[in-house]
Amino acid sequence: MRKHHLTGLIVVSFLSWAIVIYFILEGPHGNRISLLKSPDIDEKLVVLEEKIKEELKANEVVRSKLHQAIELRIKEKEKAIEDEKRKIQIEEVYKVESAEKEKIKAISAHSDSAIAVLVFACNRVTVVRCLDQLLKYRPSPEKFPIIVSQDCQHEATANAIRAYGDQIFHIQQPDQSEIQIPPKEKKFKGYFKIARHYGWALNQTFFNFNFNNVIIIEDDLDVSPDLFEYFLGTLPILLADPTLWCVSAWNDNGKLGLIQQDAPHLLHRTDFFPGLGWMLTKNTWLELAPKWPRSYWDDWIRQPEQRRGRACIRPEISRTRTFGKIGVSNGLFYEKYLKYIHLNDKFVPFTQLNLTYLLQDNYDVQFVKSVYESMVVTYQELKANSIVTDGPVRIPYYTKDKYKRTAKMLGLMDDFRSGVPRTGYRGVVSFFYNNRRVYLAPNANWKGYDITWS
């Protein structure tokens, strides 16, 4: 039966094609001979062929756009489902936390004047080392309430945190679902989880607990005795200067031999976001939160689109030091740099000091003058300590390779993020070497950071 049906279809197709050919050759007036002799027939056939090709191309474009629209719609539905799932999970955790609403009220009651200390934890019970120091040096629980935000649902770490009772407030990141990660980045899953945790915890601190300012501390940091005094003293400067957007307790080049040990009071401006113990305001978070990244948040925050020409305050001598060799970065930089960072051990009364020199209008004039009026020297002269004059000196650099070679010889961190060298300000890296201030500096007519140097 199928065979007869197929034969019938072939016959019908053949007859249809024959009829089409007949009408083409006969023309509207049945003059087949004159049509065959027409010199325009080939040209008309070529035009017809081109039109058919154009139609096919147009159809392919429409088909491709339709396919993309369908894929986009599918992704939107999947995201909506994922967002709804996350919303339900967060609502559930709020229900659990609502049982402790009196404790939340007690913290929030001081939110206008207090600076929250947000400690990020996951699966390291050594968080107690960090918490013990914070509690030891904290001048007031009302002024500096400590919120420990835990990811990972690691029970041993959770128990270690709970043991502090009412001295701290413990919240747990509820979304433990698998994250969609590009295949090439599977081994960096930890960075995706960290970014998700940061976004959630900062939203909690600013919007649920309603704090205006927060100090962010990772669970693998030692802190100096004057950590709280440092942030309390620099907060008015951060709030007063719109060209600043964070205060960091960290100096990336804070090793002994690169710092002025007799100047624990000395602070600097830097275009490089240091992290590792830093203070953020609610206004800045309102700007960052809507576009918070899915991963690599620290490098993202260093991009020009986020930094927007703003700087951070950093200390000459670090107020934090990491002991976290093991983590998602697998000890990157730890053995070569991080474990040598010197932690300040002298208390500096920052709240009693005049720190207005850090305001951009004051700082830039003096900084540029100091850098470009200083004597130009070579690395060899600096290392040999053969410079006869006193005062700061300058080592120029003009290219990325020149900078990296010089930085390595000096023991500085030599990498860039979005074109900015670590601790750099206006392209200048300031450090202390052989008992003098040294500036590794570009030309005085420096035009800005080159993002291709990363």
Protein backbone atom coordinates (compact mmCIF):
# COMPACT_ATOMS: atom_id res chain seq x y z
CA MET A 1 0.00 0.00 0.00
CA ARG A 2 2.85 2.35 0.97
CA LYS A 3 4.56 1.54 -2.35
CA HIS A 4 1.48 2.52 -4.42
CA HIS A 5 1.12 5.71 -2.36
CA LEU A 6 4.73 6.67 -2.99
CA THR A 7 4.34 6.01 -6.72
CA GLY A 8 1.25 8.24 -6.80
CA LEU A 9 3.14 11.07 -5.13
CA ILE A 10 5.96 10.81 -7.67
CA VAL A 11 3.49 10.89 -10.59
CA VAL A 12 1.66 13.92 -9.17
CA SER A 13 4.97 15.75 -8.57
CA PHE A 14 6.13 15.01 -12.11
CA LEU A 15 2.86 16.23 -13.66
CA SER A 16 2.93 19.40 -11.54
CA TRP A 17 6.46 20.17 -12.63
CA ALA A 18 5.55 19.50 -16.30
CA ILE A 19 2.61 21.93 -16.09
CA VAL A 20 4.84 24.65 -14.60
CA ILE A 21 7.43 24.16 -17.37
CA TYR A 22 4.67 24.24 -20.02
CA PHE A 23 3.31 27.59 -18.81
CA ILE A 24 6.78 29.08 -18.57
CA LEU A 25 7.56 28.08 -22.15
CA GLU A 26 4.15 28.90 -23.63
CA GLY A 27 3.88 32.31 -22.02
CA PRO A 28 0.60 34.19 -21.44
CA HIS A 29 -0.31 34.18 -25.15
CA GLY A 30 0.78 30.67 -25.99
CA ASN A 31 3.74 31.93 -28.06
CA ARG A 32 6.30 29.30 -27.03
CA ILE A 33 8.59 29.87 -30.04
CA SER A 34 8.98 33.61 -29.42
CA LEU A 35 9.71 33.04 -25.70
CA LEU A 36 12.41 30.51 -26.47
CA LYS A 37 13.96 32.98 -28.90
CA SER A 38 13.71 35.89 -26.37
CA PRO A 39 17.15 37.23 -25.41
CA ASP A 40 15.75 38.24 -21.94
CA ILE A 41 14.95 34.71 -20.75
CA ASP A 42 18.40 34.02 -19.29
CA GLU A 43 18.49 37.39 -17.58
CA LYS A 44 15.03 36.84 -16.11
CA LEU A 45 16.02 33.40 -14.85
CA VAL A 46 19.14 34.87 -13.21
CA VAL A 47 17.05 37.60 -11.54
CA LEU A 48 14.58 34.98 -10.38
CA GLU A 49 17.39 32.85 -8.96
CA GLU A 50 18.85 35.83 -7.07
CA LYS A 51 15.44 36.66 -5.60
CA ILE A 52 15.03 33.06 -4.45
CA LYS A 53 18.48 33.19 -2.81
CA GLU A 54 17.63 36.46 -1.07
CA GLU A 55 14.39 34.98 0.22
CA LEU A 56 16.26 31.94 1.52
CA LYS A 57 18.78 34.18 3.30
CA ALA A 58 16.01 36.27 4.81
CA ASN A 59 14.24 33.12 5.95
CA GLU A 60 17.47 31.89 7.54
CA VAL A 61 17.88 35.17 9.45
CA VAL A 62 14.28 34.94 10.68
CA ARG A 63 14.83 31.31 11.67
CA SER A 64 18.03 32.20 13.56
CA LYS A 65 16.36 35.09 15.41
CA LEU A 66 13.41 32.90 16.28
CA HIS A 67 15.76 30.25 17.61
CA GLN A 68 17.61 32.85 19.74
CA ALA A 69 14.33 34.22 21.06
CA ILE A 70 13.22 30.72 22.06
CA GLU A 71 16.54 30.06 23.82
CA LEU A 72 16.34 33.41 25.63
CA ARG A 73 12.81 32.67 26.75
CA ILE A 74 13.87 29.27 28.07
CA LYS A 75 16.75 30.87 30.02
CA GLU A 76 14.42 33.52 31.43
CA LYS A 77 12.02 30.83 32.62
CA GLU A 78 14.88 28.85 34.18
CA LYS A 79 16.18 31.99 35.94
CA ALA A 80 12.67 32.82 37.17
CA ILE A 81 12.36 29.32 38.61
CA GLU A 82 15.80 29.62 40.24
CA ASP A 83 15.00 33.08 41.65
CA GLU A 84 11.71 31.82 43.06
CA LYS A 85 13.48 28.88 44.65
CA ARG A 86 16.06 31.20 46.19
CA LYS A 87 13.33 33.55 47.43
CA ILE A 88 11.58 30.65 49.16
CA GLN A 89 14.85 29.56 50.78
CA ILE A 90 15.55 33.07 52.04
CA GLU A 91 12.01 33.42 53.36
CA GLU A 92 12.52 30.18 55.25
CA VAL A 93 15.68 31.44 56.92
CA TYR A 94 13.92 34.65 57.91
CA LYS A 95 11.28 32.53 59.63
CA VAL A 96 14.03 30.83 61.62
CA GLU A 97 15.70 34.13 62.46
CA SER A 98 12.39 35.70 63.46
CA ALA A 99 12.53 33.57 66.60
CA GLU A 100 15.56 35.69 67.56
CA LYS A 101 13.97 39.00 66.58
CA GLU A 102 14.69 40.50 70.01
CA LYS A 103 18.38 39.93 69.42
CA ILE A 104 18.11 41.52 65.97
CA LYS A 105 16.33 44.50 67.53
CA ALA A 106 19.10 44.86 70.09
CA ILE A 107 21.69 45.06 67.32
CA SER A 108 19.64 47.29 65.05
CA ALA A 109 18.90 49.74 67.86
CA HIS A 110 22.46 51.04 67.56
CA SER A 111 22.66 50.85 63.77
CA ASP A 112 22.81 54.61 63.20
CA SER A 113 25.96 55.17 65.25
CA ALA A 114 27.48 51.69 65.22
CA ILE A 115 29.86 50.16 62.69
CA ALA A 116 28.95 46.53 62.07
CA VAL A 117 31.78 44.01 61.85
CA LEU A 118 30.82 41.36 59.32
CA VAL A 119 32.95 38.22 59.57
CA PHE A 120 32.75 35.76 56.66
CA ALA A 121 33.06 32.11 57.59
CA CYS A 122 32.57 28.78 55.85
CA ASN A 123 34.17 25.50 56.88
CA ARG A 124 37.22 26.50 58.92
CA VAL A 125 36.91 26.12 62.69
CA THR A 126 39.99 28.36 62.91
CA VAL A 127 37.51 31.23 62.64
CA VAL A 128 37.80 31.21 66.44
CA ARG A 129 41.33 32.62 66.14
CA CYS A 130 39.93 35.65 64.32
CA LEU A 131 36.90 36.01 66.61
CA ASP A 132 38.99 35.78 69.78
CA GLN A 133 41.12 38.72 68.62
CA LEU A 134 38.13 40.80 67.54
CA LEU A 135 36.48 40.29 70.93
CA LYS A 136 39.74 41.00 72.76
CA TYR A 137 40.32 44.35 71.03
CA ARG A 138 36.71 45.47 70.58
CA PRO A 139 36.19 48.62 72.67
CA SER A 140 32.39 48.30 72.80
CA PRO A 141 29.87 45.65 71.72
CA GLU A 142 27.31 48.40 71.06
CA LYS A 143 29.69 50.42 68.90
CA PHE A 144 31.02 47.38 67.02
CA PRO A 145 28.45 44.55 66.92
CA ILE A 146 29.95 41.44 65.35
CA ILE A 147 27.88 39.49 62.81
CA VAL A 148 29.33 36.17 61.66
CA SER A 149 27.88 35.10 58.32
CA GLN A 150 28.48 31.42 57.60
CA ASP A 151 28.23 29.61 54.28
CA CYS A 152 28.72 25.87 53.57
CA GLN A 153 26.55 24.55 56.45
CA HIS A 154 29.67 23.05 58.08
CA GLU A 155 28.43 21.86 61.45
CA ALA A 156 31.76 21.90 63.31
CA THR A 157 32.34 25.52 62.29
CA ALA A 158 28.73 26.41 63.17
CA ASN A 159 29.18 24.92 66.65
CA ALA A 160 32.42 26.86 67.15
CA ILE A 161 30.62 30.10 66.28
CA ARG A 162 27.57 29.33 68.43
CA ALA A 163 29.86 28.82 71.42
CA TYR A 164 30.34 32.61 71.60
CA GLY A 165 26.69 33.02 72.56
CA ASP A 166 25.46 36.60 72.84
CA GLN A 167 28.90 38.09 72.15
CA ILE A 168 28.24 37.78 68.42
CA PHE A 169 25.30 37.34 66.06
CA HIS A 170 25.39 34.24 63.86
CA ILE A 171 23.59 34.11 60.49
CA GLN A 172 23.77 31.33 57.91
CA GLN A 173 23.58 31.72 54.15
CA PRO A 174 20.49 29.70 53.18
CA ASP A 175 21.11 29.15 49.45
CA GLN A 176 23.20 26.00 49.13
CA SER A 177 21.95 25.10 45.65
CA GLU A 178 24.34 24.20 42.86
CA ILE A 179 25.55 27.17 40.85
CA GLN A 180 25.52 27.14 37.06
CA ILE A 181 29.19 27.47 36.14
CA PRO A 182 30.75 27.63 32.65
CA PRO A 183 32.56 24.33 31.90
CA LYS A 184 35.97 26.03 31.65
CA GLU A 185 35.54 27.48 35.15
CA LYS A 186 34.41 24.36 37.03
CA LYS A 187 37.59 24.34 39.12
CA PHE A 188 36.80 27.89 40.29
CA LYS A 189 33.43 26.99 41.80
CA GLY A 190 34.56 28.35 45.14
CA TYR A 191 34.79 31.88 43.76
CA PHE A 192 31.17 31.69 42.58
CA LYS A 193 30.02 30.57 46.04
CA ILE A 194 32.01 33.31 47.75
CA ALA A 195 30.48 36.02 45.54
CA ARG A 196 26.98 34.68 46.26
CA HIS A 197 27.71 34.64 49.99
CA TYR A 198 29.11 38.18 49.99
CA GLY A 199 26.09 39.57 48.18
CA TRP A 200 23.65 37.88 50.54
CA ALA A 201 25.47 38.82 53.75
CA LEU A 202 25.96 42.46 52.79
CA ASN A 203 22.28 42.73 51.91
CA GLN A 204 21.44 41.32 55.33
CA THR A 205 23.77 43.73 57.12
CA PHE A 206 22.65 46.87 55.31
CA PHE A 207 18.96 46.15 54.70
CA ASN A 208 17.85 43.64 57.33
CA PHE A 209 19.97 44.93 60.24
CA ASN A 210 19.94 48.44 58.77
CA PHE A 211 23.56 49.42 59.43
CA ASN A 212 25.06 52.34 57.54
CA ASN A 213 28.69 51.21 57.66
CA VAL A 214 30.33 47.82 57.83
CA ILE A 215 33.83 46.44 58.37
CA ILE A 216 34.36 43.26 56.36
CA ILE A 217 36.66 40.63 57.87
CA GLU A 218 37.48 37.18 56.47
CA ASP A 219 37.75 34.24 58.85
CA ASP A 220 41.50 33.79 58.25
CA LEU A 221 42.69 37.22 59.38
CA ASP A 222 44.70 38.26 62.41
CA VAL A 223 43.95 41.83 63.48
CA SER A 224 45.98 44.53 65.20
CA PRO A 225 45.16 45.98 68.64
CA ASP A 226 44.13 49.31 67.06
CA LEU A 227 41.99 47.88 64.24
CA PHE A 228 38.76 49.37 65.61
CA GLU A 229 40.42 52.71 66.35
CA TYR A 230 41.77 52.78 62.79
CA PHE A 231 38.34 52.37 61.21
CA LEU A 232 36.67 54.71 63.69
CA GLY A 233 39.22 57.45 62.94
CA THR A 234 39.06 57.11 59.15
CA LEU A 235 35.26 56.87 58.83
CA PRO A 236 34.71 60.68 58.89
CA ILE A 237 37.21 61.07 56.03
CA LEU A 238 35.49 58.34 54.02
CA LEU A 239 32.12 60.02 54.50
CA ALA A 240 33.42 63.50 53.73
CA ASP A 241 35.29 62.77 50.48
CA PRO A 242 33.30 61.49 47.47
CA THR A 243 36.58 60.56 45.75
CA LEU A 244 37.01 57.80 48.37
CA TRP A 245 34.98 54.62 48.40
CA CYS A 246 36.63 52.34 50.96
CA VAL A 247 39.08 52.14 53.83
CA SER A 248 41.31 49.07 53.94
CA ALA A 249 43.42 47.74 56.80
CA TRP A 250 45.80 46.04 54.35
CA ASN A 251 49.07 46.98 52.64
CA ASP A 252 49.86 44.63 49.73
CA ASN A 253 53.54 45.56 50.01
CA GLY A 254 53.55 45.57 53.81
CA LYS A 255 56.58 43.32 54.32
CA LEU A 256 59.41 44.27 56.65
CA GLY A 257 62.00 46.04 54.53
CA LEU A 258 59.32 47.80 52.47
CA ILE A 259 57.56 49.74 55.25
CA GLN A 260 58.46 52.65 57.50
CA GLN A 261 58.38 50.86 60.84
CA ASP A 262 58.53 54.03 62.93
CA ALA A 263 55.40 55.45 61.23
CA PRO A 264 52.44 53.27 62.25
CA HIS A 265 50.29 56.43 62.12
CA LEU A 266 51.02 57.02 58.41
CA LEU A 267 48.13 56.47 55.97
CA HIS A 268 47.94 56.68 52.18
CA ARG A 269 45.46 56.92 49.32
CA THR A 270 45.47 54.11 46.76
CA ASP A 271 43.65 53.47 43.48
CA PHE A 272 44.06 49.73 44.04
CA PHE A 273 41.28 48.06 46.06
CA PRO A 274 43.22 46.18 48.78
CA GLY A 275 40.47 44.24 50.57
CA LEU A 276 41.51 41.92 53.42
CA GLY A 277 39.78 43.87 56.16
CA TRP A 278 37.94 46.87 54.72
CA MET A 279 35.13 49.31 55.44
CA LEU A 280 32.17 49.97 53.14
CA THR A 281 29.26 52.41 53.40
CA LYS A 282 25.61 51.69 52.67
CA ASN A 283 25.56 54.32 49.91
CA THR A 284 28.35 52.53 48.07
CA TRP A 285 26.61 49.19 48.53
CA LEU A 286 23.40 50.64 47.08
CA GLU A 287 25.45 51.38 43.98
CA LEU A 288 27.19 47.98 43.78
CA ALA A 289 24.42 45.62 44.89
CA PRO A 290 22.21 45.73 41.74
CA LYS A 291 25.13 44.65 39.54
CA TRP A 292 26.97 42.39 42.00
CA PRO A 293 28.89 39.72 40.01
CA ARG A 294 28.43 35.95 40.04
CA SER A 295 32.13 35.36 40.75
CA TYR A 296 35.56 36.96 41.27
CA TRP A 297 33.99 39.87 43.14
CA ASP A 298 37.32 41.39 44.23
CA ASP A 299 38.71 41.71 40.70
CA TRP A 300 35.29 42.91 39.52
CA ILE A 301 35.28 45.67 42.12
CA ARG A 302 38.67 46.82 40.80
CA GLN A 303 37.35 47.42 37.30
CA PRO A 304 37.04 51.04 36.08
CA GLU A 305 33.25 50.70 35.80
CA GLN A 306 33.01 50.10 39.56
CA ARG A 307 35.94 52.19 40.81
CA ARG A 308 34.93 55.23 38.75
CA GLY A 309 38.16 57.06 39.54
CA ARG A 310 37.74 56.68 43.31
CA ALA A 311 40.43 55.65 45.78
CA CYS A 312 40.73 53.84 49.11
CA ILE A 313 42.66 54.65 52.27
CA ARG A 314 45.36 52.16 53.26
CA PRO A 315 47.88 52.06 56.12
CA GLU A 316 51.66 52.13 55.90
CA ILE A 317 51.68 49.16 58.28
CA SER A 318 48.91 46.57 57.91
CA ARG A 319 46.21 46.23 60.54
CA THR A 320 45.40 42.71 59.31
CA ARG A 321 47.45 39.67 58.34
CA THR A 322 46.20 36.46 56.76
CA PHE A 323 46.97 33.05 58.19
CA GLY A 324 44.81 31.31 55.56
CA LYS A 325 47.27 29.47 53.37
CA ILE A 326 44.60 26.93 52.44
CA GLY A 327 41.56 28.28 50.60
CA VAL A 328 39.93 28.67 47.20
CA SER A 329 43.05 30.42 45.85
CA ASN A 330 45.19 27.39 46.85
CA GLY A 331 47.74 29.58 48.60
CA LEU A 332 48.23 31.92 45.64
CA PHE A 333 50.85 34.56 46.66
CA TYR A 334 50.87 33.22 50.23
CA GLU A 335 54.35 31.68 50.35
CA LYS A 336 55.95 34.47 48.33
CA TYR A 337 54.25 37.53 49.83
CA LEU A 338 51.32 37.22 52.19
CA LYS A 339 52.93 35.34 55.05
CA TYR A 340 55.60 38.07 55.31
CA ILE A 341 53.14 40.95 55.82
CA HIS A 342 54.00 42.73 59.05
CA LEU A 343 51.09 43.22 61.47
CA ASN A 344 51.08 46.47 63.42
CA ASP A 345 51.51 45.95 67.17
CA LYS A 346 51.46 49.58 68.36
CA PHE A 347 48.22 51.32 69.30
CA VAL A 348 47.68 54.56 67.36
CA PRO A 349 44.90 56.91 68.59
CA PHE A 350 43.55 57.70 65.12
CA THR A 351 40.40 59.37 66.45
CA GLN A 352 42.63 62.04 68.04
CA LEU A 353 44.72 62.69 64.92
CA ASN A 354 44.06 65.19 62.17
CA LEU A 355 43.56 62.99 59.10
CA THR A 356 42.35 65.70 56.74
CA TYR A 357 45.60 65.35 54.79
CA LEU A 358 43.91 62.30 53.21
CA LEU A 359 41.21 64.42 51.56
CA GLN A 360 41.97 64.55 47.85
CA ASP A 361 42.26 68.33 47.61
CA ASN A 362 44.95 68.26 50.30
CA TYR A 363 46.63 64.98 49.45
CA ASP A 364 47.17 65.26 45.70
CA VAL A 365 49.03 68.57 45.77
CA GLN A 366 51.51 67.39 48.36
CA PHE A 367 51.83 63.91 46.88
CA VAL A 368 52.60 65.06 43.31
CA LYS A 369 55.08 67.63 44.65
CA SER A 370 56.88 65.04 46.77
CA VAL A 371 57.04 62.47 43.95
CA TYR A 372 58.20 64.64 41.07
CA GLU A 373 60.55 66.89 42.99
CA SER A 374 62.39 63.86 44.34
CA MET A 375 65.76 62.78 42.96
CA VAL A 376 65.77 60.20 40.13
CA VAL A 377 67.91 57.14 40.96
CA THR A 378 68.50 53.65 39.62
CA TYR A 379 67.69 50.41 41.36
CA GLN A 380 71.40 49.65 41.65
CA GLU A 381 72.06 52.97 43.45
CA LEU A 382 69.15 52.36 45.80
CA LYS A 383 70.19 48.81 46.60
CA ALA A 384 73.81 49.80 47.19
CA ASN A 385 72.63 52.67 49.40
CA SER A 386 75.04 54.93 47.54
CA ILE A 387 72.70 57.95 47.35
CA VAL A 388 74.36 60.93 49.02
CA THR A 389 71.30 63.18 49.48
CA ASP A 390 68.57 62.75 52.06
CA GLY A 391 64.86 62.60 51.37
CA PRO A 392 62.66 60.60 49.02
CA VAL A 393 63.86 59.29 45.66
CA ARG A 394 62.17 58.22 42.45
CA ILE A 395 62.70 55.29 40.10
CA PRO A 396 60.94 55.96 36.78
CA TYR A 397 59.12 53.37 34.69
CA TYR A 398 57.64 53.83 31.22
CA THR A 399 56.40 50.38 30.23
CA LYS A 400 54.69 47.44 31.85
CA ASP A 401 57.80 45.26 31.46
CA LYS A 402 60.02 47.93 33.03
CA TYR A 403 57.64 48.19 35.99
CA LYS A 404 57.48 44.43 36.51
CA ARG A 405 61.27 43.98 36.31
CA THR A 406 61.90 46.75 38.82
CA ALA A 407 59.13 45.61 41.16
CA LYS A 408 60.51 42.07 41.23
CA MET A 409 64.01 43.29 42.03
CA LEU A 410 62.65 45.38 44.89
CA GLY A 411 60.46 42.57 46.27
CA LEU A 412 57.20 44.37 45.50
CA MET A 413 54.12 42.59 44.22
CA ASP A 414 54.38 43.08 40.47
CA ASP A 415 50.90 42.25 39.16
CA PHE A 416 48.17 44.57 37.88
CA ARG A 417 44.39 44.49 38.18
CA SER A 418 42.51 46.49 35.53
CA GLY A 419 45.83 48.19 34.80
CA VAL A 420 46.40 49.35 38.40
CA PRO A 421 49.54 48.17 40.26
CA ARG A 422 49.09 47.10 43.87
CA THR A 423 49.12 50.09 46.25
CA GLY A 424 49.38 52.44 43.23
CA TYR A 425 48.06 56.00 43.35
CA ARG A 426 48.14 58.10 40.18
CA GLY A 427 50.35 55.33 38.80
CA VAL A 428 52.88 55.75 41.64
CA VAL A 429 53.80 52.94 44.03
CA SER A 430 55.15 54.31 47.31
CA PHE A 431 57.25 52.20 49.71
CA PHE A 432 60.20 52.40 52.12
CA TYR A 433 63.59 50.95 51.24
CA ASN A 434 67.00 51.35 52.88
CA ASN A 435 65.61 53.93 55.31
CA ARG A 436 64.10 56.27 52.72
CA ARG A 437 60.83 56.85 50.91
CA VAL A 438 60.90 55.54 47.34
CA TYR A 439 58.45 56.20 44.52
CA LEU A 440 58.23 53.82 41.57
CA ALA A 441 56.62 56.33 39.25
CA PRO A 442 55.53 57.01 35.65
CA ASN A 443 56.11 60.31 33.85
CA ALA A 444 54.74 63.49 35.40
CA ASN A 445 52.37 63.82 32.43
CA TRP A 446 50.84 60.42 33.21
CA LYS A 447 47.51 60.03 31.38
CA GLY A 448 45.87 57.30 33.45
CA TYR A 449 45.90 53.53 33.82
CA ASP A 450 46.14 51.27 30.79
CA ILE A 451 43.74 48.37 31.30
CA THR A 452 45.76 46.24 28.85
CA TRP A 453 48.57 46.08 31.42
CA SER A 454 46.59 43.53 33.42
